[in-house]
């Protein structure tokens, strides 16, 4: 039997060169994927930011109103009970 670069299961042994080439290939793939990204324009970013801020404000107001209403209701029940 001759010495090969495989172990009992037929898999290749640990090789720093193989790992380095896989890491290099991963970075090349990453670079290619980043080139495919369609970046938003400044106008789209500003528009989306405004939409998010307005939505956050609206949700905040709704939560505040619900909290205020529930606390008023609980206070009324507690005063009624005592």
PDB file of N, CA and C in Angstrom:
ATOM      1  N   UNK A   1       0.850  -1.172   0.000  1.00  0.00           N
ATOM      2  CA  UNK A   1       0.000   0.000   0.000  1.00  0.00           C
ATOM      3  C   UNK A   1       0.892   1.230   0.000  1.00  0.00           C
ATOM      4  N   UNK A   2       0.545   2.203  -0.813  1.00  0.00           N
ATOM      5  CA  UNK A   2       1.352   3.410  -0.907  1.00  0.00           C
ATOM      6  C   UNK A   2       0.773   4.497  -0.027  1.00  0.00           C
ATOM      7  N   UNK A   3       1.624   5.397   0.384  1.00  0.00           N
ATOM      8  CA  UNK A   3       1.179   6.505   1.236  1.00  0.00           C
ATOM      9  C   UNK A   3       0.526   7.569   0.352  1.00  0.00           C
ATOM     10  N   UNK A   4      -0.712   7.870   0.657  1.00  0.00           N
ATOM     11  CA  UNK A   4      -1.432   8.912  -0.085  1.00  0.00           C
ATOM     12  C   UNK A   4      -1.848  10.012   0.880  1.00  0.00           C
ATOM     13  N   UNK A   5      -2.468  11.024   0.340  1.00  0.00           N
ATOM     14  CA  UNK A   5      -2.896  12.158   1.154  1.00  0.00           C
ATOM     15  C   UNK A   5      -4.347  11.969   1.603  1.00  0.00           C
ATOM     16  N   UNK A   6      -4.767  10.725   1.835  1.00  0.00           N
ATOM     17  CA  UNK A   6      -6.125  10.459   2.295  1.00  0.00           C
ATOM     18  C   UNK A   6      -6.069   9.653   3.570  1.00  0.00           C
ATOM     19  N   UNK A   7      -7.134   9.765   4.357  1.00  0.00           N
ATOM     20  CA  UNK A   7      -7.205   8.972   5.574  1.00  0.00           C
ATOM     21  C   UNK A   7      -8.112   7.772   5.326  1.00  0.00           C
ATOM     22  N   UNK A   8      -8.521   7.100   6.359  1.00  0.00           N
ATOM     23  CA  UNK A   8      -9.259   5.848   6.244  1.00  0.00           C
ATOM     24  C   UNK A   8     -10.582   6.023   5.497  1.00  0.00           C
ATOM     25  N   UNK A   9     -11.299   7.100   5.726  1.00  0.00           N
ATOM     26  CA  UNK A   9     -12.602   7.297   5.096  1.00  0.00           C
ATOM     27  C   UNK A   9     -12.482   7.810   3.669  1.00  0.00           C
ATOM     28  N   UNK A  10     -11.309   8.064   3.173  1.00  0.00           N
ATOM     29  CA  UNK A  10     -11.149   8.557   1.822  1.00  0.00           C
ATOM     30  C   UNK A  10     -11.143  10.077   1.745  1.00  0.00           C
ATOM     31  N   UNK A  11     -11.187  10.737   2.870  1.00  0.00           N
ATOM     32  CA  UNK A  11     -11.152  12.199   2.886  1.00  0.00           C
ATOM     33  C   UNK A  11      -9.699  12.653   2.901  1.00  0.00           C
ATOM     34  N   UNK A  12      -9.465  13.818   2.329  1.00  0.00           N
ATOM     35  CA  UNK A  12      -8.104  14.347   2.337  1.00  0.00           C
ATOM     36  C   UNK A  12      -7.752  14.841   3.728  1.00  0.00           C
ATOM     37  N   UNK A  13      -6.468  14.715   4.060  1.00  0.00           N
ATOM     38  CA  UNK A  13      -5.999  15.171   5.362  1.00  0.00           C
ATOM     39  C   UNK A  13      -5.959  16.695   5.414  1.00  0.00           C
ATOM     40  N   UNK A  14      -5.781  17.202   6.622  1.00  0.00           N
ATOM     41  CA  UNK A  14      -5.651  18.636   6.859  1.00  0.00           C
ATOM     42  C   UNK A  14      -4.485  19.179   6.047  1.00  0.00           C
ATOM     43  N   UNK A  15      -4.722  20.233   5.298  1.00  0.00           N
ATOM     44  CA  UNK A  15      -3.673  20.845   4.502  1.00  0.00           C
ATOM     45  C   UNK A  15      -3.814  22.362   4.583  1.00  0.00           C
ATOM     46  N   UNK A  16      -2.813  23.051   5.107  1.00  0.00           N
ATOM     47  CA  UNK A  16      -2.884  24.510   5.190  1.00  0.00           C
ATOM     48  C   UNK A  16      -3.085  25.165   3.817  1.00  0.00           C
ATOM     49  N   UNK A  17      -2.502  24.571   2.771  1.00  0.00           N
ATOM     50  CA  UNK A  17      -2.656  25.151   1.429  1.00  0.00           C
ATOM     51  C   UNK A  17      -4.109  25.057   0.972  1.00  0.00           C
ATOM     52  N   UNK A  18      -4.764  23.921   1.253  1.00  0.00           N
ATOM     53  CA  UNK A  18      -6.168  23.761   0.865  1.00  0.00           C
ATOM     54  C   UNK A  18      -7.047  24.759   1.604  1.00  0.00           C
ATOM     55  N   UNK A  19      -6.785  24.917   2.893  1.00  0.00           N
ATOM     56  CA  UNK A  19      -7.585  25.854   3.688  1.00  0.00           C
ATOM     57  C   UNK A  19      -7.379  27.274   3.176  1.00  0.00           C
ATOM     58  N   UNK A  20      -6.134  27.646   2.879  1.00  0.00           N
ATOM     59  CA  UNK A  20      -5.834  28.987   2.366  1.00  0.00           C
ATOM     60  C   UNK A  20      -6.529  29.213   1.026  1.00  0.00           C
ATOM     61  N   UNK A  21      -6.542  28.195   0.163  1.00  0.00           N
ATOM     62  CA  UNK A  21      -7.193  28.372  -1.138  1.00  0.00           C
ATOM     63  C   UNK A  21      -8.707  28.501  -0.974  1.00  0.00           C
ATOM     64  N   UNK A  22      -9.293  27.769  -0.012  1.00  0.00           N
ATOM     65  CA  UNK A  22     -10.735  27.890   0.235  1.00  0.00           C
ATOM     66  C   UNK A  22     -11.076  29.280   0.772  1.00  0.00           C
ATOM     67  N   UNK A  23     -10.237  29.799   1.661  1.00  0.00           N
ATOM     68  CA  UNK A  23     -10.461  31.149   2.195  1.00  0.00           C
ATOM     69  C   UNK A  23     -10.340  32.169   1.073  1.00  0.00           C
ATOM     70  N   UNK A  24      -9.329  32.017   0.223  1.00  0.00           N
ATOM     71  CA  UNK A  24      -9.155  32.936  -0.907  1.00  0.00           C
ATOM     72  C   UNK A  24     -10.337  32.883  -1.854  1.00  0.00           C
ATOM     73  N   UNK A  25     -10.853  31.685  -2.137  1.00  0.00           N
ATOM     74  CA  UNK A  25     -12.010  31.536  -3.008  1.00  0.00           C
ATOM     75  C   UNK A  25     -13.241  32.194  -2.378  1.00  0.00           C
ATOM     76  N   UNK A  26     -13.372  32.065  -1.063  1.00  0.00           N
ATOM     77  CA  UNK A  26     -14.508  32.687  -0.372  1.00  0.00           C
ATOM     78  C   UNK A  26     -14.469  34.200  -0.513  1.00  0.00           C
ATOM     79  N   UNK A  27     -13.283  34.785  -0.377  1.00  0.00           N
ATOM     80  CA  UNK A  27     -13.170  36.232  -0.521  1.00  0.00           C
ATOM     81  C   UNK A  27     -13.460  36.679  -1.954  1.00  0.00           C
ATOM     82  N   UNK A  28     -13.033  35.882  -2.948  1.00  0.00           N
ATOM     83  CA  UNK A  28     -13.342  36.212  -4.339  1.00  0.00           C
ATOM     84  C   UNK A  28     -14.843  36.151  -4.572  1.00  0.00           C
ATOM     85  N   UNK A  29     -15.501  35.128  -4.021  1.00  0.00           N
ATOM     86  CA  UNK A  29     -16.955  35.007  -4.149  1.00  0.00           C
ATOM     87  C   UNK A  29     -17.650  36.185  -3.468  1.00  0.00           C
ATOM     88  N   UNK A  30     -17.176  36.552  -2.288  1.00  0.00           N
ATOM     89  CA  UNK A  30     -17.755  37.677  -1.559  1.00  0.00           C
ATOM     90  C   UNK A  30     -17.639  38.957  -2.379  1.00  0.00           C
ATOM     91  N   UNK A  31     -16.486  39.168  -2.965  1.00  0.00           N
ATOM     92  CA  UNK A  31     -16.258  40.357  -3.782  1.00  0.00           C
ATOM     93  C   UNK A  31     -17.223  40.393  -4.966  1.00  0.00           C
ATOM     94  N   UNK A  32     -17.432  39.238  -5.593  1.00  0.00           N
ATOM     95  CA  UNK A  32     -18.358  39.156  -6.712  1.00  0.00           C
ATOM     96  C   UNK A  32     -19.788  39.442  -6.293  1.00  0.00           C
ATOM     97  N   UNK A  33     -20.181  38.954  -5.125  1.00  0.00           N
ATOM     98  CA  UNK A  33     -21.543  39.193  -4.628  1.00  0.00           C
ATOM     99  C   UNK A  33     -21.759  40.655  -4.270  1.00  0.00           C
ATOM    100  N   UNK A  34     -20.745  41.300  -3.705  1.00  0.00           N
ATOM    101  CA  UNK A  34     -20.867  42.716  -3.338  1.00  0.00           C
ATOM    102  C   UNK A  34     -21.011  43.569  -4.602  1.00  0.00           C
ATOM    103  N   UNK A  35     -20.398  43.150  -5.691  1.00  0.00           N
ATOM    104  CA  UNK A  35     -20.527  43.894  -6.946  1.00  0.00           C
ATOM    105  C   UNK A  35     -21.952  43.800  -7.493  1.00  0.00           C
ATOM    106  N   UNK A  36     -22.682  42.742  -7.148  1.00  0.00           N
ATOM    107  CA  UNK A  36     -24.049  42.551  -7.630  1.00  0.00           C
ATOM    108  C   UNK A  36     -25.069  43.377  -6.845  1.00  0.00           C
ATOM    109  N   UNK A  37     -24.675  43.898  -5.692  1.00  0.00           N
ATOM    110  CA  UNK A  37     -25.610  44.636  -4.839  1.00  0.00           C
ATOM    111  C   UNK A  37     -26.028  45.928  -5.523  1.00  0.00           C
ATOM    112  N   UNK A  38     -27.334  46.190  -5.506  1.00  0.00           N
ATOM    113  CA  UNK A  38     -27.841  47.444  -6.048  1.00  0.00           C
ATOM    114  C   UNK A  38     -28.020  48.392  -4.864  1.00  0.00           C
ATOM    115  N   UNK A  39     -27.132  49.366  -4.769  1.00  0.00           N
ATOM    116  CA  UNK A  39     -27.146  50.293  -3.646  1.00  0.00           C
ATOM    117  C   UNK A  39     -28.214  51.355  -3.877  1.00  0.00           C
ATOM    118  N   UNK A  40     -28.940  51.754  -2.829  1.00  0.00           N
ATOM    119  CA  UNK A  40     -29.986  52.775  -3.003  1.00  0.00           C
ATOM    120  C   UNK A  40     -29.371  54.151  -3.243  1.00  0.00           C
ATOM    121  N   UNK A  41     -30.158  54.987  -3.914  1.00  0.00           N
ATOM    122  CA  UNK A  41     -29.708  56.359  -4.146  1.00  0.00           C
ATOM    123  C   UNK A  41     -29.910  57.166  -2.866  1.00  0.00           C
ATOM    124  N   UNK A  42     -29.340  58.360  -2.852  1.00  0.00           N
ATOM    125  CA  UNK A  42     -29.470  59.222  -1.674  1.00  0.00           C
ATOM    126  C   UNK A  42     -30.937  59.583  -1.451  1.00  0.00           C
ATOM    127  N   UNK A  43     -31.661  59.817  -2.531  1.00  0.00           N
ATOM    128  CA  UNK A  43     -33.077  60.171  -2.431  1.00  0.00           C
ATOM    129  C   UNK A  43     -33.880  59.023  -1.806  1.00  0.00           C
ATOM    130  N   UNK A  44     -33.578  57.787  -2.205  1.00  0.00           N
ATOM    131  CA  UNK A  44     -34.275  56.633  -1.635  1.00  0.00           C
ATOM    132  C   UNK A  44     -33.964  56.474  -0.151  1.00  0.00           C
ATOM    133  N   UNK A  45     -32.712  56.698   0.226  1.00  0.00           N
ATOM    134  CA  UNK A  45     -32.321  56.576   1.636  1.00  0.00           C
ATOM    135  C   UNK A  45     -33.044  57.615   2.480  1.00  0.00           C
ATOM    136  N   UNK A  46     -33.096  58.861   1.988  1.00  0.00           N
ATOM    137  CA  UNK A  46     -33.771  59.929   2.725  1.00  0.00           C
ATOM    138  C   UNK A  46     -35.260  59.612   2.840  1.00  0.00           C
ATOM    139  N   UNK A  47     -35.870  59.163   1.741  1.00  0.00           N
ATOM    140  CA  UNK A  47     -37.291  58.838   1.742  1.00  0.00           C
ATOM    141  C   UNK A  47     -37.590  57.693   2.723  1.00  0.00           C
ATOM    142  N   UNK A  48     -36.789  56.647   2.678  1.00  0.00           N
ATOM    143  CA  UNK A  48     -37.000  55.509   3.584  1.00  0.00           C
ATOM    144  C   UNK A  48     -36.800  55.908   5.042  1.00  0.00           C
ATOM    145  N   UNK A  49     -35.827  56.780   5.298  1.00  0.00           N
ATOM    146  CA  UNK A  49     -35.584  57.256   6.660  1.00  0.00           C
ATOM    147  C   UNK A  49     -36.788  58.032   7.184  1.00  0.00           C
ATOM    148  N   UNK A  50     -37.346  58.885   6.332  1.00  0.00           N
ATOM    149  CA  UNK A  50     -38.530  59.663   6.738  1.00  0.00           C
ATOM    150  C   UNK A  50     -39.697  58.724   7.029  1.00  0.00           C
ATOM    151  N   UNK A  51     -39.897  57.726   6.179  1.00  0.00           N
ATOM    152  CA  UNK A  51     -40.989  56.773   6.390  1.00  0.00           C
ATOM    153  C   UNK A  51     -40.814  56.050   7.723  1.00  0.00           C
ATOM    154  N   UNK A  52     -39.591  55.624   8.024  1.00  0.00           N
ATOM    155  CA  UNK A  52     -39.328  54.911   9.278  1.00  0.00           C
ATOM    156  C   UNK A  52     -39.585  55.826  10.476  1.00  0.00           C
ATOM    157  N   UNK A  53     -39.115  57.063  10.423  1.00  0.00           N
ATOM    158  CA  UNK A  53     -39.310  57.986  11.543  1.00  0.00           C
ATOM    159  C   UNK A  53     -40.785  58.301  11.776  1.00  0.00           C
ATOM    160  N   UNK A  54     -41.534  58.514  10.698  1.00  0.00           N
ATOM    161  CA  UNK A  54     -42.965  58.798  10.833  1.00  0.00           C
ATOM    162  C   UNK A  54     -43.693  57.583  11.400  1.00  0.00           C
ATOM    163  N   UNK A  55     -43.329  56.399  10.925  1.00  0.00           N
ATOM    164  CA  UNK A  55     -43.951  55.171  11.438  1.00  0.00           C
ATOM    165  C   UNK A  55     -43.640  54.982  12.911  1.00  0.00           C
ATOM    166  N   UNK A  56     -42.399  55.229  13.307  1.00  0.00           N
ATOM    167  CA  UNK A  56     -42.031  55.107  14.717  1.00  0.00           C
ATOM    168  C   UNK A  56     -42.813  56.102  15.569  1.00  0.00           C
ATOM    169  N   UNK A  57     -42.967  57.308  15.091  1.00  0.00           N
ATOM    170  CA  UNK A  57     -43.730  58.318  15.816  1.00  0.00           C
ATOM    171  C   UNK A  57     -45.194  57.891  15.965  1.00  0.00           C
ATOM    172  N   UNK A  58     -45.784  57.390  14.885  1.00  0.00           N
ATOM    173  CA  UNK A  58     -47.179  56.953  14.931  1.00  0.00           C
ATOM    174  C   UNK A  58     -47.360  55.788  15.907  1.00  0.00           C
ATOM    175  N   UNK A  59     -46.481  54.807  15.847  1.00  0.00           N
ATOM    176  CA  UNK A  59     -46.576  53.665  16.764  1.00  0.00           C
ATOM    177  C   UNK A  59     -46.352  54.118  18.196  1.00  0.00           C
ATOM    178  N   UNK A  60     -45.424  55.032  18.409  1.00  0.00           N
ATOM    179  CA  UNK A  60     -45.183  55.571  19.755  1.00  0.00           C
ATOM    180  C   UNK A  60     -46.404  56.272  20.314  1.00  0.00           C
ATOM    181  N   UNK A  61     -47.072  57.037  19.468  1.00  0.00           N
ATOM    182  CA  UNK A  61     -48.287  57.735  19.917  1.00  0.00           C
ATOM    183  C   UNK A  61     -49.379  56.733  20.265  1.00  0.00           C
ATOM    184  N   UNK A  62     -49.545  55.704  19.429  1.00  0.00           N
ATOM    185  CA  UNK A  62     -50.565  54.682  19.702  1.00  0.00           C
ATOM    186  C   UNK A  62     -50.275  53.970  21.022  1.00  0.00           C
ATOM    187  N   UNK A  63     -49.025  53.603  21.245  1.00  0.00           N
ATOM    188  CA  UNK A  63     -48.656  52.927  22.497  1.00  0.00           C
ATOM    189  C   UNK A  63     -48.883  53.853  23.684  1.00  0.00           C
ATOM    190  N   UNK A  64     -48.516  55.127  23.544  1.00  0.00           N
ATOM    191  CA  UNK A  64     -48.721  56.088  24.629  1.00  0.00           C
ATOM    192  C   UNK A  64     -50.208  56.239  24.949  1.00  0.00           C
ATOM    193  N   UNK A  65     -51.043  56.327  23.901  1.00  0.00           N
ATOM    194  CA  UNK A  65     -52.483  56.452  24.115  1.00  0.00           C
ATOM    195  C   UNK A  65     -53.055  55.211  24.805  1.00  0.00           C
ATOM    196  N   UNK A  66     -52.620  54.036  24.369  1.00  0.00           N
ATOM    197  CA  UNK A  66     -53.081  52.800  25.017  1.00  0.00           C
ATOM    198  C   UNK A  66     -52.634  52.754  26.482  1.00  0.00           C
ATOM    199  N   UNK A  67     -51.398  53.124  26.734  1.00  0.00           N
ATOM    200  CA  UNK A  67     -50.882  53.131  28.102  1.00  0.00           C
ATOM    201  C   UNK A  67     -51.651  54.123  28.966  1.00  0.00           C
ATOM    202  N   UNK A  68     -51.874  55.314  28.444  1.00  0.00           N
ATOM    203  CA  UNK A  68     -52.601  56.336  29.175  1.00  0.00           C
ATOM    204  C   UNK A  68     -54.033  55.876  29.468  1.00  0.00           C
ATOM    205  N   UNK A  69     -54.685  55.304  28.457  1.00  0.00           N
ATOM    206  CA  UNK A  69     -56.054  54.830  28.631  1.00  0.00           C
ATOM    207  C   UNK A  69     -56.149  53.697  29.641  1.00  0.00           C
ATOM    208  N   UNK A  70     -55.229  52.742  29.553  1.00  0.00           N
ATOM    209  CA  UNK A  70     -55.252  51.616  30.490  1.00  0.00           C
ATOM    210  C   UNK A  70     -54.949  52.069  31.915  1.00  0.00           C
ATOM    211  N   UNK A  71     -53.982  52.971  32.084  1.00  0.00           N
ATOM    212  CA  UNK A  71     -53.658  53.432  33.434  1.00  0.00           C
ATOM    213  C   UNK A  71     -54.818  54.239  34.023  1.00  0.00           C
ATOM    214  N   UNK A  72     -55.499  54.998  33.190  1.00  0.00           N
ATOM    215  CA  UNK A  72     -56.679  55.736  33.662  1.00  0.00           C
ATOM    216  C   UNK A  72     -57.778  54.763  34.076  1.00  0.00           C
ATOM    217  N   UNK A  73     -57.970  53.717  33.290  1.00  0.00           N
ATOM    218  CA  UNK A  73     -58.972  52.702  33.598  1.00  0.00           C
ATOM    219  C   UNK A  73     -58.643  51.987  34.902  1.00  0.00           C
ATOM    220  N   UNK A  74     -57.388  51.598  35.083  1.00  0.00           N
ATOM    221  CA  UNK A  74     -56.965  50.903  36.307  1.00  0.00           C
ATOM    222  C   UNK A  74     -57.134  51.831  37.506  1.00  0.00           C
ATOM    223  N   UNK A  75     -56.762  53.105  37.373  1.00  0.00           N
ATOM    224  CA  UNK A  75     -56.925  54.060  38.474  1.00  0.00           C
ATOM    225  C   UNK A  75     -58.395  54.214  38.836  1.00  0.00           C
ATOM    226  N   UNK A  76     -59.279  54.253  37.831  1.00  0.00           N
ATOM    227  CA  UNK A  76     -60.714  54.371  38.102  1.00  0.00           C
ATOM    228  C   UNK A  76     -61.232  53.144  38.840  1.00  0.00           C
ATOM    229  N   UNK A  77     -60.796  51.963  38.419  1.00  0.00           N
ATOM    230  CA  UNK A  77     -61.213  50.730  39.108  1.00  0.00           C
ATOM    231  C   UNK A  77     -60.711  50.698  40.552  1.00  0.00           C
ATOM    232  N   UNK A  78     -59.474  51.125  40.768  1.00  0.00           N
ATOM    233  CA  UNK A  78     -58.906  51.107  42.107  1.00  0.00           C
ATOM    234  C   UNK A  78     -59.614  52.125  43.016  1.00  0.00           C
ATOM    235  N   UNK A  79     -59.968  53.275  42.482  1.00  0.00           N
ATOM    236  CA  UNK A  79     -60.708  54.257  43.295  1.00  0.00           C
ATOM    237  C   UNK A  79     -62.110  53.756  43.577  1.00  0.00           C
ATOM    238  N   UNK A  80     -62.699  53.052  42.644  1.00  0.00           N
ATOM    239  CA  UNK A  80     -64.031  52.512  42.828  1.00  0.00           C
ATOM    240  C   UNK A  80     -64.031  51.406  43.894  1.00  0.00           C
ATOM    241  N   UNK A  81     -62.938  50.640  43.964  1.00  0.00           N
ATOM    242  CA  UNK A  81     -62.836  49.530  44.896  1.00  0.00           C
ATOM    243  C   UNK A  81     -62.606  50.010  46.321  1.00  0.00           C
ATOM    244  N   UNK A  82     -61.981  51.153  46.485  1.00  0.00           N
ATOM    245  CA  UNK A  82     -61.676  51.608  47.855  1.00  0.00           C
ATOM    246  C   UNK A  82     -62.711  52.498  48.433  1.00  0.00           C
TER     247      UNK A  82
END
